[in-house]
Amino acid sequence: MTKEPREYFSYLLRLWKVSGAGPPVWRASLEEVHTGERQGFADLQSLLVFLEEQTNGIDQHSVSETSEQP
């Protein structure tokens, strides 16, 4: 079975700050609205990497067209 690229994502984003021995760290979770599947992230960088992976290639065509215009 081949997965087709998605054009739309819908997540419920939760952010909270965790204080410990070091400086406070932001944690995050995303819940996929349609399936209820939840993904946790230890820091904001991990969240951003996940979102970039999910959207990789969606705008590639748009970006290349825009960069080619004078």
Protein backbone atom coordinates (compact mmCIF):
# COMPACT_ATOMS: atom_id res chain seq x y z
CA MET A 1 0.00 0.00 0.00
CA THR A 2 1.40 3.39 -1.02
CA LYS A 3 0.86 6.43 1.14
CA GLU A 4 -0.10 9.54 -0.77
CA PRO A 5 1.41 12.86 0.36
CA ARG A 6 -0.86 14.74 2.70
CA GLU A 7 -1.92 18.28 1.93
CA TYR A 8 -3.45 19.03 5.32
CA PHE A 9 -2.53 18.31 8.94
CA SER A 10 -4.60 19.00 12.03
CA TYR A 11 -3.02 18.70 15.48
CA LEU A 12 -3.86 19.75 18.99
CA LEU A 13 -0.64 21.25 20.38
CA ARG A 14 0.14 21.20 24.11
CA LEU A 15 3.15 23.04 25.57
CA TRP A 16 4.36 23.08 29.17
CA LYS A 17 7.49 24.15 31.02
CA VAL A 18 9.41 21.68 33.20
CA SER A 19 11.76 22.97 35.89
CA GLY A 20 14.50 20.79 37.29
CA ALA A 21 18.12 21.04 38.35
CA GLY A 22 19.03 23.07 35.25
CA PRO A 23 17.24 25.78 33.33
CA PRO A 24 13.52 25.24 32.56
CA VAL A 25 12.77 23.22 29.42
CA TRP A 26 9.65 23.38 27.26
CA ARG A 27 7.99 20.04 26.53
CA ALA A 28 5.35 19.48 23.85
CA SER A 29 2.82 16.99 22.61
CA LEU A 30 0.83 16.82 19.41
CA GLU A 31 -2.44 14.95 19.14
CA GLU A 32 -3.60 14.06 15.62
CA VAL A 33 -7.19 15.31 15.56
CA HIS A 34 -8.59 12.61 13.27
CA THR A 35 -6.97 9.56 14.88
CA GLY A 36 -6.30 10.69 18.45
CA GLU A 37 -2.70 9.49 18.11
CA ARG A 38 -0.42 11.41 20.46
CA GLN A 39 3.29 12.15 20.04
CA GLY A 40 5.47 13.60 22.81
CA PHE A 41 8.56 15.80 22.46
CA ALA A 42 11.33 16.39 25.00
CA ASP A 43 12.06 19.87 23.62
CA LEU A 44 10.89 22.37 21.02
CA GLN A 45 13.67 21.41 18.60
CA SER A 46 12.33 17.84 18.47
CA LEU A 47 8.85 19.20 17.76
CA LEU A 48 10.15 21.32 14.88
CA VAL A 49 12.10 18.39 13.41
CA PHE A 50 8.95 16.25 13.50
CA LEU A 51 6.87 18.93 11.77
CA GLU A 52 9.52 19.43 9.10
CA GLU A 53 9.62 15.67 8.46
CA GLN A 54 5.83 15.55 8.18
CA THR A 55 5.73 18.41 5.69
CA ASN A 56 8.90 17.55 3.76
CA GLY A 57 8.21 17.81 0.07
CA ILE A 58 4.74 19.35 0.37
CA ASP A 59 5.98 22.80 -0.59
CA GLN A 60 9.02 21.72 -2.61
CA HIS A 61 7.25 22.44 -5.89
CA SER A 62 6.06 25.85 -4.68
CA VAL A 63 9.48 26.79 -3.33
CA SER A 64 11.31 25.90 -6.54
CA GLU A 65 8.82 27.85 -8.66
CA THR A 66 9.13 30.92 -6.40
CA SER A 67 12.95 30.81 -6.33
CA GLU A 68 13.13 30.65 -10.12
CA GLN A 69 11.13 33.83 -10.64
CA PRO A 70 13.13 37.08 -10.97
